[in-house]
């Protein structure tokens, strides 16, 4: 158990280091040369560089350290301990990559690729159960005392930074910053949830047994039977749940239509399916 814990901890540390390096490259190669201040402490550091000539990494350290103490005082040791490493590591990576030559001075390309790299990097950080601290700690404090969700709190903080960037760099750069934030958030989702979404389907029909057998034989998929009750009739109904790949969706829909064209079917994306090798081969289901 101790050996496994050490191995997992080492993997998480490596993931966080890689994530911080990628985020730093996105900042120094794309966002900073194009003056895209896309929220957070990193965005504030760009404003400070423009207004006062301060080194961004130094500004980030200067803000992160007191914010960490504030988090320790208000949120407690357990919460703050998870953010210390990332809060100190990301500015360090930004500092050591600051002399790399920028890739482009086209603000649109800088926004797209800067947001993409930032999202990929932060995705690795979050996947390692880490955090880069900064304004996320402030958002957590807002959540604790105001009841405002962490996402909304972070959104308000980022919005303030973007508005300030509009005054410092111009309205067009503020609009690019909004684009960068959107691309970053979507990139984080891709890293955390995966690039390929499976499909999960729920089927309510008077011919559930025939459909169940057809799915087992024709799709080679497992089926989970769930007992339910109709909200209007209060009659007991059997609900079938099946997980499949995107490529099997059309075959599944045609199969249901042939058996029962009146069947009630709900289909949605699911990004992670674990158990019996499904997440590896995507050929089995729990």
Protein backbone atom coordinates (compact mmCIF):
# COMPACT_ATOMS: atom_id res chain seq x y z
CA UNK A 1 0.00 0.00 0.00
CA UNK A 2 2.79 2.43 0.92
CA UNK A 3 4.65 1.59 -2.30
CA UNK A 4 1.53 2.16 -4.40
CA UNK A 5 0.88 5.47 -2.64
CA UNK A 6 4.43 6.66 -3.32
CA UNK A 7 4.16 5.60 -6.96
CA UNK A 8 0.84 7.44 -7.41
CA UNK A 9 2.21 10.52 -5.65
CA UNK A 10 5.27 10.52 -7.93
CA UNK A 11 3.08 10.25 -11.03
CA UNK A 12 0.94 13.15 -9.79
CA UNK A 13 4.02 15.30 -9.18
CA UNK A 14 5.34 14.56 -12.67
CA UNK A 15 1.94 15.38 -14.17
CA UNK A 16 1.87 18.68 -12.30
CA UNK A 17 5.38 19.62 -13.43
CA UNK A 18 4.54 18.81 -17.06
CA UNK A 19 1.30 20.75 -16.76
CA UNK A 20 3.02 23.84 -15.35
CA UNK A 21 5.67 23.74 -18.10
CA UNK A 22 3.01 23.54 -20.83
CA UNK A 23 1.04 26.39 -19.24
CA UNK A 24 4.19 28.50 -19.01
CA UNK A 25 4.93 27.89 -22.70
CA UNK A 26 1.43 28.98 -23.61
CA UNK A 27 1.95 32.17 -21.63
CA UNK A 28 5.43 33.10 -22.86
CA UNK A 29 5.13 31.96 -26.48
CA UNK A 30 1.62 33.20 -27.23
CA UNK A 31 -0.29 35.13 -24.57
CA UNK A 32 2.38 37.51 -23.24
CA UNK A 33 3.76 38.72 -26.60
CA UNK A 34 0.21 39.37 -27.81
CA UNK A 35 -0.86 41.04 -24.52
CA UNK A 36 -3.73 38.61 -23.89
CA UNK A 37 -4.57 38.90 -20.17
CA UNK A 38 -7.03 36.04 -19.85
CA UNK A 39 -7.91 36.29 -16.18
CA UNK A 40 -6.38 35.11 -12.92
CA UNK A 41 -3.05 36.01 -11.37
CA UNK A 42 -1.31 35.33 -14.69
CA UNK A 43 -3.49 37.91 -16.40
CA UNK A 44 -2.91 40.42 -13.60
CA UNK A 45 0.85 39.94 -13.96
CA UNK A 46 0.59 41.01 -17.63
CA UNK A 47 -1.20 44.19 -16.57
CA UNK A 48 1.48 44.87 -13.95
CA UNK A 49 4.21 44.39 -16.54
CA UNK A 50 2.56 46.87 -18.90
CA UNK A 51 1.83 49.48 -16.23
CA UNK A 52 4.87 49.19 -13.96
CA UNK A 53 7.45 47.16 -15.92
CA UNK A 54 7.42 44.33 -13.37
CA UNK A 55 8.49 40.80 -14.23
CA UNK A 56 5.32 38.64 -14.56
CA UNK A 57 6.76 35.70 -12.59
CA UNK A 58 7.73 38.00 -9.73
CA UNK A 59 4.24 39.52 -9.67
CA UNK A 60 2.74 36.03 -9.61
CA UNK A 61 4.91 34.99 -6.67
CA UNK A 62 4.18 38.29 -4.96
CA UNK A 63 0.45 37.66 -5.24
CA UNK A 64 0.35 33.89 -4.71
CA UNK A 65 2.30 33.86 -1.45
CA UNK A 66 -0.02 36.23 0.51
CA UNK A 67 -3.06 34.56 -1.09
CA UNK A 68 -1.74 31.22 0.17
CA UNK A 69 -1.46 32.61 3.70
CA UNK A 70 -4.97 34.00 3.39
CA UNK A 71 -6.20 30.59 2.27
CA UNK A 72 -4.37 28.93 5.16
CA UNK A 73 -6.00 31.33 7.63
CA UNK A 74 -9.54 31.04 6.25
CA UNK A 75 -9.77 27.68 4.45
CA UNK A 76 -7.45 25.61 6.63
CA UNK A 77 -4.30 23.52 6.24
CA UNK A 78 -5.75 20.65 4.19
CA UNK A 79 -7.09 22.91 1.45
CA UNK A 80 -4.00 25.13 1.25
CA UNK A 81 -1.50 22.25 1.24
CA UNK A 82 -2.89 21.05 -2.09
CA UNK A 83 -2.17 24.39 -3.77
CA UNK A 84 1.27 25.35 -2.42
CA UNK A 85 3.30 23.30 -4.91
CA UNK A 86 1.44 24.53 -7.99
CA UNK A 87 1.31 28.14 -6.80
CA UNK A 88 5.10 28.25 -6.53
CA UNK A 89 5.90 25.96 -9.46
CA UNK A 90 3.97 27.73 -12.23
CA UNK A 91 5.67 31.15 -11.76
CA UNK A 92 9.00 29.29 -11.63
CA UNK A 93 8.29 27.65 -14.99
CA UNK A 94 7.19 31.00 -16.42
CA UNK A 95 10.40 32.61 -15.15
CA UNK A 96 12.69 29.99 -16.71
CA UNK A 97 10.92 30.10 -20.08
CA UNK A 98 10.59 33.89 -20.27
CA UNK A 99 13.49 34.29 -22.74
CA UNK A 100 12.05 31.89 -25.31
CA UNK A 101 11.26 33.66 -28.56
CA UNK A 102 7.58 34.14 -29.25
CA UNK A 103 5.94 32.06 -31.98
CA UNK A 104 3.59 34.66 -33.43
CA UNK A 105 2.47 38.25 -32.99
CA UNK A 106 -0.86 37.56 -34.64
CA UNK A 107 -3.31 38.13 -31.75
CA UNK A 108 -5.84 35.60 -33.05
CA UNK A 109 -3.25 32.83 -33.36
CA UNK A 110 -1.80 33.87 -30.01
CA UNK A 111 -5.25 33.63 -28.43
CA UNK A 112 -6.07 30.22 -29.90
CA UNK A 113 -2.76 28.50 -29.22
CA UNK A 114 -2.09 30.30 -25.96
CA UNK A 115 -5.52 29.33 -24.65
CA UNK A 116 -5.06 25.79 -25.93
CA UNK A 117 -1.66 25.26 -24.28
CA UNK A 118 -2.84 26.89 -21.06
CA UNK A 119 -5.86 24.59 -20.95
CA UNK A 120 -3.82 21.47 -21.68
CA UNK A 121 -1.32 22.41 -18.99
CA UNK A 122 -3.95 23.23 -16.38
CA UNK A 123 -5.79 20.05 -17.32
CA UNK A 124 -2.71 18.02 -16.37
CA UNK A 125 -2.41 20.00 -13.13
CA UNK A 126 -6.04 19.35 -12.18
CA UNK A 127 -5.79 15.71 -13.27
CA UNK A 128 -2.97 15.31 -10.74
CA UNK A 129 -5.33 16.61 -8.01
CA UNK A 130 -3.29 19.80 -7.88
CA UNK A 131 -3.99 23.50 -8.28
CA UNK A 132 -2.08 26.60 -9.27
CA UNK A 133 -3.76 28.55 -6.48
CA UNK A 134 -3.99 32.27 -7.08
CA UNK A 135 -7.49 33.61 -7.66
CA UNK A 136 -8.98 30.11 -7.30
CA UNK A 137 -8.31 30.45 -3.56
CA UNK A 138 -10.08 33.81 -3.51
CA UNK A 139 -13.00 32.21 -5.38
CA UNK A 140 -13.17 29.47 -2.72
CA UNK A 141 -13.23 32.11 0.01
CA UNK A 142 -16.07 33.93 -1.77
CA UNK A 143 -17.91 30.63 -1.97
CA UNK A 144 -17.47 30.04 1.75
CA UNK A 145 -18.77 33.42 2.87
CA UNK A 146 -21.25 34.44 0.18
CA UNK A 147 -22.65 31.11 -1.03
CA UNK A 148 -21.74 32.06 -4.59
CA UNK A 149 -20.48 29.01 -6.49
CA UNK A 150 -16.74 28.68 -7.06
CA UNK A 151 -17.29 28.76 -10.83
CA UNK A 152 -19.29 31.98 -10.68
CA UNK A 153 -16.82 33.53 -8.22
CA UNK A 154 -13.92 32.69 -10.52
CA UNK A 155 -15.88 34.04 -13.46
CA UNK A 156 -16.41 37.38 -11.71
CA UNK A 157 -12.71 37.65 -10.87
CA UNK A 158 -11.70 36.82 -14.44
CA UNK A 159 -14.23 39.31 -15.76
CA UNK A 160 -12.67 42.08 -13.64
CA UNK A 161 -9.22 41.20 -15.00
CA UNK A 162 -10.50 41.16 -18.60
CA UNK A 163 -12.23 44.53 -18.15
CA UNK A 164 -9.02 45.96 -16.72
CA UNK A 165 -7.15 44.52 -19.72
CA UNK A 166 -9.57 46.38 -21.96
CA UNK A 167 -8.53 49.68 -20.40
CA UNK A 168 -4.81 48.87 -20.46
CA UNK A 169 -4.40 47.03 -23.78
CA UNK A 170 -7.52 48.07 -25.67
CA UNK A 171 -10.99 46.63 -26.21
CA UNK A 172 -9.87 44.23 -28.94
CA UNK A 173 -7.36 42.57 -26.60
CA UNK A 174 -10.07 42.20 -23.97
CA UNK A 175 -12.22 40.37 -26.53
CA UNK A 176 -9.29 38.10 -27.39
CA UNK A 177 -8.86 37.43 -23.67
CA UNK A 178 -12.48 36.24 -23.46
CA UNK A 179 -11.80 33.89 -26.38
CA UNK A 180 -8.68 32.59 -24.65
CA UNK A 181 -10.63 31.90 -21.46
CA UNK A 182 -13.22 29.91 -23.41
CA UNK A 183 -10.58 27.87 -25.27
CA UNK A 184 -8.71 27.22 -22.01
CA UNK A 185 -11.83 25.95 -20.25
CA UNK A 186 -12.69 23.60 -23.12
CA UNK A 187 -9.10 22.32 -23.30
CA UNK A 188 -9.17 21.57 -19.57
CA UNK A 189 -12.34 19.53 -20.10
CA UNK A 190 -10.73 17.54 -22.91
CA UNK A 191 -7.70 16.65 -20.77
CA UNK A 192 -9.74 15.75 -17.69
CA UNK A 193 -12.62 13.98 -19.42
CA UNK A 194 -11.00 12.61 -22.55
CA UNK A 195 -11.15 13.41 -26.24
CA UNK A 196 -13.49 10.56 -27.14
CA UNK A 197 -16.93 10.51 -25.58
CA UNK A 198 -18.85 7.26 -25.35
CA UNK A 199 -22.62 7.28 -25.55
CA UNK A 200 -24.99 6.16 -22.81
CA UNK A 201 -28.57 5.30 -23.70
CA UNK A 202 -31.68 4.68 -21.61
CA UNK A 203 -34.57 2.83 -23.27
CA UNK A 204 -38.15 2.60 -22.05
CA UNK A 205 -40.32 0.26 -24.11
CA UNK A 206 -43.06 -2.36 -23.91
CA UNK A 207 -40.61 -4.70 -25.66
CA UNK A 208 -37.63 -4.35 -23.35
CA UNK A 209 -36.82 -8.06 -23.30
CA UNK A 210 -36.69 -8.29 -27.10
CA UNK A 211 -34.55 -5.13 -27.23
CA UNK A 212 -32.23 -6.48 -24.52
CA UNK A 213 -31.59 -9.70 -26.43
CA UNK A 214 -31.11 -7.80 -29.71
CA UNK A 215 -28.50 -5.50 -28.14
CA UNK A 216 -26.62 -8.45 -26.67
CA UNK A 217 -26.58 -10.33 -29.97
CA UNK A 218 -26.26 -7.54 -32.55
CA UNK A 219 -24.19 -4.91 -30.74
CA UNK A 220 -22.22 -7.27 -28.50
CA UNK A 221 -22.88 -4.91 -25.62
CA UNK A 222 -23.85 -5.58 -22.04
CA UNK A 223 -27.18 -4.18 -20.86
CA UNK A 224 -28.17 -3.06 -17.37
CA UNK A 225 -31.81 -3.45 -16.36
CA UNK A 226 -33.17 -0.74 -14.04
CA UNK A 227 -36.57 -0.90 -12.35
CA UNK A 228 -38.64 2.24 -12.64
CA UNK A 229 -42.17 3.58 -12.35
CA UNK A 230 -44.06 5.73 -14.83
CA UNK A 231 -44.64 9.18 -13.39
CA UNK A 232 -48.08 9.47 -15.00
CA UNK A 233 -49.36 5.87 -14.85
CA UNK A 234 -47.43 4.84 -11.69
CA UNK A 235 -46.94 1.47 -13.39
CA UNK A 236 -43.70 -0.44 -13.02
CA UNK A 237 -41.51 -0.16 -16.11
CA UNK A 238 -38.18 -1.73 -16.97
CA UNK A 239 -35.49 0.69 -18.17
CA UNK A 240 -32.51 -0.57 -20.17
CA UNK A 241 -29.15 1.18 -19.90
CA UNK A 242 -26.41 0.56 -22.43
CA UNK A 243 -23.04 2.21 -23.11
CA UNK A 244 -21.58 2.21 -26.61
CA UNK A 245 -19.04 3.96 -28.79
CA UNK A 246 -19.92 6.82 -31.12
CA UNK A 247 -19.52 4.56 -34.15
CA UNK A 248 -22.17 2.14 -32.83
CA UNK A 249 -24.82 4.79 -32.22
CA UNK A 250 -26.45 4.65 -35.65
CA UNK A 251 -26.68 0.86 -35.54
CA UNK A 252 -28.22 1.07 -32.06
CA UNK A 253 -30.86 3.61 -33.15
CA UNK A 254 -31.84 1.55 -36.19
CA UNK A 255 -32.10 -1.54 -34.01
CA UNK A 256 -34.50 0.18 -31.60
CA UNK A 257 -36.63 1.59 -34.43
CA UNK A 258 -37.03 -1.86 -36.04
CA UNK A 259 -38.18 -3.43 -32.79
CA UNK A 260 -40.28 -0.62 -31.30
CA UNK A 261 -40.64 2.67 -33.15
CA UNK A 262 -42.54 4.09 -30.16
CA UNK A 263 -39.77 3.36 -27.65
CA UNK A 264 -38.70 6.26 -25.44
CA UNK A 265 -34.91 6.65 -25.80
CA UNK A 266 -32.51 9.07 -24.09
CA UNK A 267 -28.95 9.30 -25.46
CA UNK A 268 -26.17 11.45 -24.01
CA UNK A 269 -22.38 11.69 -23.86
CA UNK A 270 -20.37 10.00 -21.13
CA UNK A 271 -16.65 10.69 -20.93
CA UNK A 272 -15.41 7.99 -18.62
CA UNK A 273 -16.58 4.41 -18.22
CA UNK A 274 -14.70 2.18 -15.79
CA UNK A 275 -14.96 -1.54 -15.12
CA UNK A 276 -14.15 -4.83 -16.86
CA UNK A 277 -11.81 -3.20 -19.34
CA UNK A 278 -14.40 -0.91 -20.95
CA UNK A 279 -12.14 2.12 -20.58
CA UNK A 280 -9.38 0.23 -22.43
CA UNK A 281 -11.07 -1.69 -25.21
CA UNK A 282 -14.49 0.03 -25.17
CA UNK A 283 -15.99 -3.33 -26.02
CA UNK A 284 -17.55 -4.27 -22.71
CA UNK A 285 -19.89 -2.74 -20.21
CA UNK A 286 -20.41 -3.15 -16.47
